[in-house]
Amino acid sequence: MANLRDVRLRMRAIEQTLQVTKAMNLISTAKLRKGRRMHEDTEPYFKRIQKSMFDIISCAGNMQSAFFRKNDPSKPSRTAIIVITSDKGLAGGYNANIFRHVNELCTRVQNPVLVLIGAIGYRYYVHSPHVILENFSFRSQMPTLEHAGEITDYIISQFLWGMFNEIHIVYTHMFSAIKLQPTERQIMPLHTEKIQQELSEFGGEKRVELKFEFMPSAEAVFDALVPLYTKGLIYGSMVEAYASEQSARMAAMDEASKSAEDMLASLRISYNRVRQAGITQEMSEIVGGSAALADR
C-alpha cells in the first residue's frame, strides 16, 4: 500500500506539472502570434525612414554628421553592446545562445560595455567581469515604441557625448519556428554601404541615387531621421527577440509535456503492476485461509 501511495503521489505531481506546461505552451503561442503581427504592421514605416536616409546620403554626398563619426586612433575606443534577453526562464537555450554570442563579440571589440535589456541578462552579467553600463527591464511586457524610444534616447545621447565610439545590438532572429539564431548588428556609426545592403537584403530592392531638395537642409533632416531609424531598428530587434523567446518557450514546454506524458505512462504501468501484485497477494491469502479452515 505504501508503494501504491508513493506512485499515486508522483503521478499527481506530474499531472499538475503537465497542466502548467500545456498552459504555458498555449500562452506562448498567443504571444508569438501577437508579436509577429505587430512587427509586420510597423516594419513598412521604419523601412520608409531607412530609404529616406539613404536618399539624403546619396544626394548630399560627403555629409558632415556626428553619426558618421570615425574612431580617433589617438584616443581610447569603447564599444557599447545592447544585449536583448528575456525576463523569464523556461525557454530552453534561448538565453544561453545569446550569452555565448555576446561573450564572443566582447573578445573582438575594444573596451566593451553592456546595455542590458531583460532580467535574465542582468542576473548573468552581474557576476561576470564585463562592465554593465545600463539595465532595462520591462517585466516580460510586449515591446512597445515607448520602450524602444527610452533606450534610443539613452544610447544616442551617450554616443553624441562621446561615452562610446560604436554601438552594436545582439538579439535572436527567428528564421523559422525551429531555427532561432543570435544575430549582431552595428547601429553606430552609420555606414552608407551597410544601409544600402540592408535595403537590398530586407527590402528586396536596390535604391538608386535620386535628387531631392531638403528643407531647411539635408543635414538637419538627416539628423532628425537618425533617432527614428535607430528607434525602429531597436524596436524591430526587440519584437524579433520577443517572438523568438515565445517560440523557444513553446518548443521547451512541448518537450517538457512529452517528457511528462512519458513519465506518466511509465508510472501507470508501475502502478498497475503494484496494484495487481497487491490484489494477487490478497487473493492468495484468502485462498490460503479458506484452505486452512477447510482442513479443520
C-alpha atoms as a PDB file:
ATOM      1  CA  MET A   1       0.000   0.000   0.000  1.00  0.00           C
ATOM      2  CA  ALA A   2       2.890   2.310   0.779  1.00  0.00           C
ATOM      3  CA  ASN A   3       4.272   1.802  -2.715  1.00  0.00           C
ATOM      4  CA  LEU A   4       0.862   2.481  -4.244  1.00  0.00           C
ATOM      5  CA  ARG A   5       0.566   5.700  -2.270  1.00  0.00           C
ATOM      6  CA  ASP A   6       4.032   6.878  -3.365  1.00  0.00           C
ATOM      7  CA  VAL A   7       3.349   6.127  -7.040  1.00  0.00           C
ATOM      8  CA  ARG A   8      -0.026   7.857  -6.846  1.00  0.00           C
ATOM      9  CA  LEU A   9       1.552  10.980  -5.330  1.00  0.00           C
ATOM     10  CA  ARG A  10       4.213  11.067  -8.038  1.00  0.00           C
ATOM     11  CA  MET A  11       1.572  10.694 -10.740  1.00  0.00           C
ATOM     12  CA  ARG A  12      -0.465  13.540  -9.258  1.00  0.00           C
ATOM     13  CA  ALA A  13       2.579  15.828  -9.135  1.00  0.00           C
ATOM     14  CA  ILE A  14       3.475  15.073 -12.761  1.00  0.00           C
ATOM     15  CA  GLU A  15      -0.121  15.627 -13.880  1.00  0.00           C
ATOM     16  CA  GLN A  16      -0.101  19.075 -12.236  1.00  0.00           C
ATOM     17  CA  THR A  17       3.222  19.899 -13.931  1.00  0.00           C
ATOM     18  CA  LEU A  18       1.795  18.732 -17.250  1.00  0.00           C
ATOM     19  CA  GLN A  19      -1.149  21.115 -16.881  1.00  0.00           C
ATOM     20  CA  VAL A  20       1.297  24.003 -16.295  1.00  0.00           C
ATOM     21  CA  THR A  21       3.492  23.167 -19.294  1.00  0.00           C
ATOM     22  CA  LYS A  22       0.490  22.864 -21.614  1.00  0.00           C
ATOM     23  CA  ALA A  23      -0.923  26.168 -20.363  1.00  0.00           C
ATOM     24  CA  MET A  24       2.439  27.925 -20.884  1.00  0.00           C
ATOM     25  CA  ASN A  25       2.621  26.451 -24.379  1.00  0.00           C
ATOM     26  CA  LEU A  26      -0.776  27.939 -25.268  1.00  0.00           C
ATOM     27  CA  ILE A  27       0.134  31.335 -23.759  1.00  0.00           C
ATOM     28  CA  SER A  28       3.424  31.460 -25.697  1.00  0.00           C
ATOM     29  CA  THR A  29       1.573  30.594 -28.904  1.00  0.00           C
ATOM     30  CA  ALA A  30      -0.814  33.521 -28.454  1.00  0.00           C
ATOM     31  CA  LYS A  31       2.042  35.925 -27.592  1.00  0.00           C
ATOM     32  CA  LEU A  32       4.042  34.762 -30.601  1.00  0.00           C
ATOM     33  CA  ARG A  33       1.197  35.499 -32.996  1.00  0.00           C
ATOM     34  CA  LYS A  34       0.616  38.931 -31.494  1.00  0.00           C
ATOM     35  CA  GLY A  35       4.308  39.843 -31.572  1.00  0.00           C
ATOM     36  CA  ARG A  36       4.765  38.848 -35.205  1.00  0.00           C
ATOM     37  CA  ARG A  37       1.630  40.745 -36.206  1.00  0.00           C
ATOM     38  CA  MET A  38       2.876  43.929 -34.503  1.00  0.00           C
ATOM     39  CA  HIS A  39       6.263  43.594 -36.188  1.00  0.00           C
ATOM     40  CA  GLU A  40       4.684  43.196 -39.623  1.00  0.00           C
ATOM     41  CA  ASP A  41       2.412  46.209 -39.050  1.00  0.00           C
ATOM     42  CA  THR A  42       5.238  48.604 -38.086  1.00  0.00           C
ATOM     43  CA  GLU A  43       8.024  47.376 -40.375  1.00  0.00           C
ATOM     44  CA  PRO A  44       6.922  49.343 -43.516  1.00  0.00           C
ATOM     45  CA  TYR A  45       7.047  52.654 -41.611  1.00  0.00           C
ATOM     46  CA  PHE A  46      10.622  52.212 -40.440  1.00  0.00           C
ATOM     47  CA  LYS A  47      11.681  50.801 -43.786  1.00  0.00           C
ATOM     48  CA  ARG A  48      10.462  54.040 -45.375  1.00  0.00           C
ATOM     49  CA  ILE A  49      12.624  56.012 -42.940  1.00  0.00           C
ATOM     50  CA  GLN A  50      15.622  53.889 -43.861  1.00  0.00           C
ATOM     51  CA  LYS A  51      15.047  54.556 -47.563  1.00  0.00           C
ATOM     52  CA  SER A  52      14.787  58.284 -46.903  1.00  0.00           C
ATOM     53  CA  MET A  53      18.087  58.221 -45.035  1.00  0.00           C
ATOM     54  CA  PHE A  54      19.837  56.604 -47.962  1.00  0.00           C
ATOM     55  CA  ASP A  55      18.284  59.110 -50.371  1.00  0.00           C
ATOM     56  CA  ILE A  56      19.606  62.012 -48.288  1.00  0.00           C
ATOM     57  CA  ILE A  57      23.091  60.495 -48.082  1.00  0.00           C
ATOM     58  CA  SER A  58      23.139  59.877 -51.818  1.00  0.00           C
ATOM     59  CA  CYS A  59      22.070  63.424 -52.631  1.00  0.00           C
ATOM     60  CA  ALA A  60      24.241  65.223 -50.117  1.00  0.00           C
ATOM     61  CA  GLY A  61      27.459  63.385 -50.944  1.00  0.00           C
ATOM     62  CA  ASN A  62      30.021  63.850 -48.165  1.00  0.00           C
ATOM     63  CA  MET A  63      27.610  64.786 -45.423  1.00  0.00           C
ATOM     64  CA  GLN A  64      29.032  66.104 -42.172  1.00  0.00           C
ATOM     65  CA  SER A  65      27.219  64.483 -39.280  1.00  0.00           C
ATOM     66  CA  ALA A  66      28.172  63.246 -35.826  1.00  0.00           C
ATOM     67  CA  PHE A  67      26.502  59.935 -36.631  1.00  0.00           C
ATOM     68  CA  PHE A  68      29.234  59.190 -39.195  1.00  0.00           C
ATOM     69  CA  ARG A  69      31.984  59.847 -36.671  1.00  0.00           C
ATOM     70  CA  LYS A  70      35.099  57.738 -37.151  1.00  0.00           C
ATOM     71  CA  ASN A  71      37.337  56.446 -34.411  1.00  0.00           C
ATOM     72  CA  ASP A  72      40.342  58.565 -33.486  1.00  0.00           C
ATOM     73  CA  PRO A  73      43.387  56.253 -33.175  1.00  0.00           C
ATOM     74  CA  SER A  74      44.955  58.622 -30.655  1.00  0.00           C
ATOM     75  CA  LYS A  75      42.026  58.237 -28.229  1.00  0.00           C
ATOM     76  CA  PRO A  76      40.843  55.113 -26.422  1.00  0.00           C
ATOM     77  CA  SER A  77      37.922  53.404 -28.116  1.00  0.00           C
ATOM     78  CA  ARG A  78      34.890  51.969 -26.340  1.00  0.00           C
ATOM     79  CA  THR A  79      32.088  49.801 -27.734  1.00  0.00           C
ATOM     80  CA  ALA A  80      28.557  49.583 -26.367  1.00  0.00           C
ATOM     81  CA  ILE A  81      26.751  46.266 -26.857  1.00  0.00           C
ATOM     82  CA  ILE A  82      22.974  46.206 -26.439  1.00  0.00           C
ATOM     83  CA  VAL A  83      22.025  42.696 -25.279  1.00  0.00           C
ATOM     84  CA  ILE A  84      18.393  41.590 -25.555  1.00  0.00           C
ATOM     85  CA  THR A  85      17.466  38.661 -23.307  1.00  0.00           C
ATOM     86  CA  SER A  86      14.249  37.555 -21.621  1.00  0.00           C
ATOM     87  CA  ASP A  87      12.787  38.466 -18.249  1.00  0.00           C
ATOM     88  CA  LYS A  88      11.754  34.866 -17.545  1.00  0.00           C
ATOM     89  CA  GLY A  89      13.341  31.466 -17.919  1.00  0.00           C
ATOM     90  CA  LEU A  90      11.923  28.133 -19.125  1.00  0.00           C
ATOM     91  CA  ALA A  91      12.864  28.985 -22.719  1.00  0.00           C
ATOM     92  CA  GLY A  92      15.379  26.240 -23.448  1.00  0.00           C
ATOM     93  CA  GLY A  93      18.730  27.501 -24.750  1.00  0.00           C
ATOM     94  CA  TYR A  94      17.382  30.902 -25.819  1.00  0.00           C
ATOM     95  CA  ASN A  95      19.370  32.990 -23.312  1.00  0.00           C
ATOM     96  CA  ALA A  96      22.425  30.716 -23.251  1.00  0.00           C
ATOM     97  CA  ASN A  97      22.920  31.173 -27.000  1.00  0.00           C
ATOM     98  CA  ILE A  98      22.775  34.964 -26.594  1.00  0.00           C
ATOM     99  CA  PHE A  99      25.347  34.872 -23.786  1.00  0.00           C
ATOM    100  CA  ARG A 100      27.695  32.766 -25.892  1.00  0.00           C
ATOM    101  CA  HIS A 101      27.393  35.151 -28.847  1.00  0.00           C
ATOM    102  CA  VAL A 102      27.923  38.266 -26.702  1.00  0.00           C
ATOM    103  CA  ASN A 103      30.959  36.788 -24.960  1.00  0.00           C
ATOM    104  CA  GLU A 104      32.494  36.027 -28.343  1.00  0.00           C
ATOM    105  CA  LEU A 105      31.725  39.562 -29.577  1.00  0.00           C
ATOM    106  CA  CYS A 106      33.350  41.080 -26.484  1.00  0.00           C
ATOM    107  CA  THR A 107      36.639  39.435 -27.463  1.00  0.00           C
ATOM    108  CA  ARG A 108      36.553  41.119 -30.898  1.00  0.00           C
ATOM    109  CA  VAL A 109      35.755  44.722 -29.921  1.00  0.00           C
ATOM    110  CA  GLN A 110      37.671  47.234 -27.831  1.00  0.00           C
ATOM    111  CA  ASN A 111      36.647  48.011 -24.250  1.00  0.00           C
ATOM    112  CA  PRO A 112      33.103  46.576 -24.405  1.00  0.00           C
ATOM    113  CA  VAL A 113      30.381  47.908 -22.102  1.00  0.00           C
ATOM    114  CA  LEU A 114      26.946  46.315 -21.892  1.00  0.00           C
ATOM    115  CA  VAL A 115      23.482  47.841 -22.117  1.00  0.00           C
ATOM    116  CA  LEU A 116      21.165  45.066 -20.994  1.00  0.00           C
ATOM    117  CA  ILE A 117      17.506  44.527 -21.850  1.00  0.00           C
ATOM    118  CA  GLY A 118      15.964  41.741 -19.758  1.00  0.00           C
ATOM    119  CA  ALA A 119      16.295  40.469 -16.206  1.00  0.00           C
ATOM    120  CA  ILE A 120      17.950  37.176 -17.161  1.00  0.00           C
ATOM    121  CA  GLY A 121      20.812  39.010 -18.858  1.00  0.00           C
ATOM    122  CA  TYR A 122      21.388  41.170 -15.785  1.00  0.00           C
ATOM    123  CA  ARG A 123      21.468  38.134 -13.476  1.00  0.00           C
ATOM    124  CA  TYR A 124      24.094  36.541 -15.691  1.00  0.00           C
ATOM    125  CA  TYR A 125      26.384  39.502 -16.388  1.00  0.00           C
ATOM    126  CA  VAL A 126      26.284  40.974 -12.898  1.00  0.00           C
ATOM    127  CA  HIS A 127      28.583  38.081 -11.933  1.00  0.00           C
ATOM    128  CA  SER A 128      30.850  38.488 -14.984  1.00  0.00           C
ATOM    129  CA  PRO A 129      33.900  40.744 -15.487  1.00  0.00           C
ATOM    130  CA  HIS A 130      32.086  42.777 -18.161  1.00  0.00           C
ATOM    131  CA  VAL A 131      31.060  46.353 -17.368  1.00  0.00           C
ATOM    132  CA  ILE A 132      27.280  46.930 -17.211  1.00  0.00           C
ATOM    133  CA  LEU A 133      26.532  50.488 -18.284  1.00  0.00           C
ATOM    134  CA  GLU A 134      22.716  50.354 -18.004  1.00  0.00           C
ATOM    135  CA  ASN A 135      19.964  47.801 -17.483  1.00  0.00           C
ATOM    136  CA  PHE A 136      16.413  47.982 -18.856  1.00  0.00           C
ATOM    137  CA  SER A 137      13.723  45.561 -17.696  1.00  0.00           C
ATOM    138  CA  PHE A 138      10.120  45.775 -18.849  1.00  0.00           C
ATOM    139  CA  ARG A 139       8.861  42.745 -16.880  1.00  0.00           C
ATOM    140  CA  SER A 140       8.054  40.457 -19.800  1.00  0.00           C
ATOM    141  CA  GLN A 141       5.783  43.007 -21.448  1.00  0.00           C
ATOM    142  CA  MET A 142       5.188  43.154 -25.175  1.00  0.00           C
ATOM    143  CA  PRO A 143       7.806  45.574 -26.621  1.00  0.00           C
ATOM    144  CA  THR A 144       6.401  48.980 -27.470  1.00  0.00           C
ATOM    145  CA  LEU A 145       7.671  52.076 -29.245  1.00  0.00           C
ATOM    146  CA  GLU A 146       7.874  53.809 -25.875  1.00  0.00           C
ATOM    147  CA  HIS A 147      10.284  51.144 -24.622  1.00  0.00           C
ATOM    148  CA  ALA A 148      12.383  51.431 -27.785  1.00  0.00           C
ATOM    149  CA  GLY A 149      12.301  55.237 -27.573  1.00  0.00           C
ATOM    150  CA  GLU A 150      13.588  55.181 -23.992  1.00  0.00           C
ATOM    151  CA  ILE A 151      16.543  53.018 -24.978  1.00  0.00           C
ATOM    152  CA  THR A 152      17.207  55.035 -28.148  1.00  0.00           C
ATOM    153  CA  ASP A 153      17.292  58.362 -26.312  1.00  0.00           C
ATOM    154  CA  TYR A 154      19.808  56.948 -23.867  1.00  0.00           C
ATOM    155  CA  ILE A 155      22.257  55.393 -26.323  1.00  0.00           C
ATOM    156  CA  ILE A 156      22.170  58.299 -28.807  1.00  0.00           C
ATOM    157  CA  SER A 157      22.790  60.859 -26.080  1.00  0.00           C
ATOM    158  CA  GLN A 158      25.709  58.805 -24.768  1.00  0.00           C
ATOM    159  CA  PHE A 159      27.108  58.311 -28.276  1.00  0.00           C
ATOM    160  CA  LEU A 160      26.969  62.024 -29.109  1.00  0.00           C
ATOM    161  CA  TRP A 161      28.509  62.837 -25.750  1.00  0.00           C
ATOM    162  CA  GLY A 162      31.419  60.516 -26.547  1.00  0.00           C
ATOM    163  CA  MET A 163      30.792  57.780 -23.984  1.00  0.00           C
ATOM    164  CA  PHE A 164      31.447  55.155 -26.644  1.00  0.00           C
ATOM    165  CA  ASN A 165      32.501  55.092 -30.302  1.00  0.00           C
ATOM    166  CA  GLU A 166      30.478  52.153 -31.578  1.00  0.00           C
ATOM    167  CA  ILE A 167      27.082  50.641 -30.797  1.00  0.00           C
ATOM    168  CA  HIS A 168      26.196  47.028 -31.520  1.00  0.00           C
ATOM    169  CA  ILE A 169      22.975  45.163 -30.769  1.00  0.00           C
ATOM    170  CA  VAL A 170      22.682  41.416 -30.173  1.00  0.00           C
ATOM    171  CA  TYR A 171      19.301  39.720 -30.362  1.00  0.00           C
ATOM    172  CA  THR A 172      17.730  36.452 -31.529  1.00  0.00           C
ATOM    173  CA  HIS A 173      16.462  36.399 -35.099  1.00  0.00           C
ATOM    174  CA  MET A 174      13.670  33.930 -35.872  1.00  0.00           C
ATOM    175  CA  PHE A 175      14.234  32.473 -39.311  1.00  0.00           C
ATOM    176  CA  SER A 176      11.517  29.907 -38.610  1.00  0.00           C
ATOM    177  CA  ALA A 177       9.771  28.289 -35.648  1.00  0.00           C
ATOM    178  CA  ILE A 178      12.635  25.798 -35.302  1.00  0.00           C
ATOM    179  CA  LYS A 179      15.581  27.976 -36.372  1.00  0.00           C
ATOM    180  CA  LEU A 180      16.433  30.700 -33.852  1.00  0.00           C
ATOM    181  CA  GLN A 181      19.832  32.316 -34.344  1.00  0.00           C
ATOM    182  CA  PRO A 182      21.624  35.006 -32.291  1.00  0.00           C
ATOM    183  CA  THR A 183      22.307  37.981 -34.561  1.00  0.00           C
ATOM    184  CA  GLU A 184      24.580  41.009 -34.199  1.00  0.00           C
ATOM    185  CA  ARG A 185      24.159  44.357 -35.989  1.00  0.00           C
ATOM    186  CA  GLN A 186      26.127  47.584 -35.779  1.00  0.00           C
ATOM    187  CA  ILE A 187      23.943  50.628 -35.140  1.00  0.00           C
ATOM    188  CA  MET A 188      26.511  53.424 -34.851  1.00  0.00           C
ATOM    189  CA  PRO A 189      28.446  54.900 -36.531  1.00  0.00           C
ATOM    190  CA  LEU A 190      26.361  54.793 -39.693  1.00  0.00           C
ATOM    191  CA  HIS A 191      27.724  53.448 -42.976  1.00  0.00           C
ATOM    192  CA  THR A 192      26.107  54.181 -46.320  1.00  0.00           C
ATOM    193  CA  GLU A 193      27.126  50.802 -47.725  1.00  0.00           C
ATOM    194  CA  LYS A 194      25.519  48.909 -44.849  1.00  0.00           C
ATOM    195  CA  ILE A 195      22.265  50.838 -45.169  1.00  0.00           C
ATOM    196  CA  GLN A 196      22.149  50.071 -48.887  1.00  0.00           C
ATOM    197  CA  GLN A 197      22.936  46.414 -48.204  1.00  0.00           C
ATOM    198  CA  GLU A 198      20.154  46.143 -45.630  1.00  0.00           C
ATOM    199  CA  LEU A 199      17.700  47.730 -48.029  1.00  0.00           C
ATOM    200  CA  SER A 200      18.681  45.241 -50.722  1.00  0.00           C
ATOM    201  CA  GLU A 201      18.507  42.222 -48.402  1.00  0.00           C
ATOM    202  CA  PHE A 202      15.338  43.010 -46.465  1.00  0.00           C
ATOM    203  CA  GLY A 203      13.538  45.394 -48.775  1.00  0.00           C
ATOM    204  CA  GLY A 204      14.027  43.398 -51.926  1.00  0.00           C
ATOM    205  CA  GLU A 205      15.122  46.433 -53.961  1.00  0.00           C
ATOM    206  CA  LYS A 206      18.246  48.491 -54.593  1.00  0.00           C
ATOM    207  CA  ARG A 207      17.985  52.219 -54.106  1.00  0.00           C
ATOM    208  CA  VAL A 208      19.480  54.484 -56.737  1.00  0.00           C
ATOM    209  CA  GLU A 209      20.823  57.962 -56.246  1.00  0.00           C
ATOM    210  CA  LEU A 210      17.819  60.227 -56.596  1.00  0.00           C
ATOM    211  CA  LYS A 211      17.774  64.022 -56.481  1.00  0.00           C
ATOM    212  CA  PHE A 212      15.708  65.684 -53.768  1.00  0.00           C
ATOM    213  CA  GLU A 213      15.597  69.106 -52.150  1.00  0.00           C
ATOM    214  CA  PHE A 214      15.521  69.145 -48.355  1.00  0.00           C
ATOM    215  CA  MET A 215      14.366  71.965 -46.091  1.00  0.00           C
ATOM    216  CA  PRO A 216      15.937  73.525 -44.132  1.00  0.00           C
ATOM    217  CA  SER A 217      18.943  71.365 -45.131  1.00  0.00           C
ATOM    218  CA  ALA A 218      19.864  67.776 -45.836  1.00  0.00           C
ATOM    219  CA  GLU A 219      21.924  67.603 -42.632  1.00  0.00           C
ATOM    220  CA  ALA A 220      19.032  68.836 -40.472  1.00  0.00           C
ATOM    221  CA  VAL A 221      16.576  66.361 -41.978  1.00  0.00           C
ATOM    222  CA  PHE A 222      19.105  63.561 -41.682  1.00  0.00           C
ATOM    223  CA  ASP A 223      19.855  64.289 -38.013  1.00  0.00           C
ATOM    224  CA  ALA A 224      16.108  64.250 -37.323  1.00  0.00           C
ATOM    225  CA  LEU A 225      15.666  60.908 -39.093  1.00  0.00           C
ATOM    226  CA  VAL A 226      18.544  59.075 -37.414  1.00  0.00           C
ATOM    227  CA  PRO A 227      16.821  58.766 -33.991  1.00  0.00           C
ATOM    228  CA  LEU A 228      13.686  57.478 -35.721  1.00  0.00           C
ATOM    229  CA  TYR A 229      15.730  54.991 -37.720  1.00  0.00           C
ATOM    230  CA  THR A 230      17.565  53.845 -34.587  1.00  0.00           C
ATOM    231  CA  LYS A 231      14.313  53.502 -32.660  1.00  0.00           C
ATOM    232  CA  GLY A 232      12.856  51.433 -35.477  1.00  0.00           C
ATOM    233  CA  LEU A 233      15.898  49.179 -35.564  1.00  0.00           C
ATOM    234  CA  ILE A 234      15.840  48.648 -31.795  1.00  0.00           C
ATOM    235  CA  TYR A 235      12.078  48.149 -31.767  1.00  0.00           C
ATOM    236  CA  GLY A 236      12.288  45.613 -34.583  1.00  0.00           C
ATOM    237  CA  SER A 237      15.072  43.767 -32.749  1.00  0.00           C
ATOM    238  CA  MET A 238      13.065  43.727 -29.516  1.00  0.00           C
ATOM    239  CA  VAL A 239       9.948  42.388 -31.227  1.00  0.00           C
ATOM    240  CA  GLU A 240      12.010  39.811 -33.114  1.00  0.00           C
ATOM    241  CA  ALA A 241      13.640  38.726 -29.853  1.00  0.00           C
ATOM    242  CA  TYR A 242      10.245  38.618 -28.123  1.00  0.00           C
ATOM    243  CA  ALA A 243       8.802  36.381 -30.836  1.00  0.00           C
ATOM    244  CA  SER A 244      11.902  34.179 -30.736  1.00  0.00           C
ATOM    245  CA  GLU A 245      11.591  33.869 -26.971  1.00  0.00           C
ATOM    246  CA  GLN A 246       7.980  32.721 -27.247  1.00  0.00           C
ATOM    247  CA  SER A 247       8.911  30.253 -29.969  1.00  0.00           C
ATOM    248  CA  ALA A 248      11.747  28.859 -27.836  1.00  0.00           C
ATOM    249  CA  ARG A 249       9.424  28.590 -24.822  1.00  0.00           C
ATOM    250  CA  MET A 250       6.797  26.815 -26.944  1.00  0.00           C
ATOM    251  CA  ALA A 251       9.385  24.247 -28.001  1.00  0.00           C
ATOM    252  CA  ALA A 252      10.681  23.840 -24.432  1.00  0.00           C
ATOM    253  CA  MET A 253       7.184  23.409 -22.990  1.00  0.00           C
ATOM    254  CA  ASP A 254       6.270  20.973 -25.755  1.00  0.00           C
ATOM    255  CA  GLU A 255       9.308  18.840 -24.928  1.00  0.00           C
ATOM    256  CA  ALA A 256       8.514  19.093 -21.205  1.00  0.00           C
ATOM    257  CA  SER A 257       4.928  17.997 -21.864  1.00  0.00           C
ATOM    258  CA  LYS A 258       6.106  14.994 -23.881  1.00  0.00           C
ATOM    259  CA  SER A 259       8.555  14.014 -21.133  1.00  0.00           C
ATOM    260  CA  ALA A 260       5.807  14.337 -18.510  1.00  0.00           C
ATOM    261  CA  GLU A 261       3.460  12.182 -20.574  1.00  0.00           C
ATOM    262  CA  ASP A 262       6.169   9.531 -20.969  1.00  0.00           C
ATOM    263  CA  MET A 263       6.791   9.553 -17.211  1.00  0.00           C
ATOM    264  CA  LEU A 264       3.061   9.261 -16.548  1.00  0.00           C
ATOM    265  CA  ALA A 265       2.778   6.282 -18.899  1.00  0.00           C
ATOM    266  CA  SER A 266       5.698   4.570 -17.148  1.00  0.00           C
ATOM    267  CA  LEU A 267       4.259   5.301 -13.704  1.00  0.00           C
ATOM    268  CA  ARG A 268       0.838   3.990 -14.723  1.00  0.00           C
ATOM    269  CA  ILE A 269       2.443   0.699 -15.724  1.00  0.00           C
ATOM    270  CA  SER A 270       4.288   0.566 -12.396  1.00  0.00           C
ATOM    271  CA  TYR A 271       1.111   1.499 -10.544  1.00  0.00           C
ATOM    272  CA  ASN A 272      -0.872  -1.244 -12.257  1.00  0.00           C
ATOM    273  CA  ARG A 273       1.834  -3.799 -11.557  1.00  0.00           C
ATOM    274  CA  VAL A 274       1.995  -2.920  -7.876  1.00  0.00           C
ATOM    275  CA  ARG A 275      -1.799  -2.876  -7.656  1.00  0.00           C
ATOM    276  CA  GLN A 276      -2.056  -6.241  -9.417  1.00  0.00           C
ATOM    277  CA  ALA A 277       0.609  -7.681  -7.143  1.00  0.00           C
ATOM    278  CA  GLY A 278      -1.361  -6.476  -4.124  1.00  0.00           C
ATOM    279  CA  ILE A 279      -4.586  -7.995  -5.433  1.00  0.00           C
ATOM    280  CA  THR A 280      -2.821 -11.287  -6.173  1.00  0.00           C
ATOM    281  CA  GLN A 281      -1.351 -11.349  -2.671  1.00  0.00           C
ATOM    282  CA  GLU A 282      -4.749 -10.690  -1.083  1.00  0.00           C
ATOM    283  CA  MET A 283      -6.361 -13.433  -3.166  1.00  0.00           C
ATOM    284  CA  SER A 284      -3.586 -15.816  -2.178  1.00  0.00           C
ATOM    285  CA  GLU A 285      -4.170 -15.019   1.479  1.00  0.00           C
ATOM    286  CA  ILE A 286      -7.923 -15.549   1.100  1.00  0.00           C
ATOM    287  CA  VAL A 287      -7.426 -18.891  -0.666  1.00  0.00           C
ATOM    288  CA  GLY A 288      -4.890 -19.958   1.889  1.00  0.00           C
ATOM    289  CA  GLY A 289      -7.200 -19.008   4.749  1.00  0.00           C
ATOM    290  CA  SER A 290     -10.090 -20.861   3.171  1.00  0.00           C
ATOM    291  CA  ALA A 291      -7.943 -23.977   2.722  1.00  0.00           C
ATOM    292  CA  ALA A 292      -6.814 -23.784   6.353  1.00  0.00           C
ATOM    293  CA  LEU A 293     -10.423 -23.523   7.554  1.00  0.00           C
ATOM    294  CA  ALA A 294     -11.458 -26.445   5.328  1.00  0.00           C
ATOM    295  CA  ASP A 295      -8.737 -28.644   6.822  1.00  0.00           C
ATOM    296  CA  ARG A 296     -10.160 -28.093  10.290  1.00  0.00           C
END
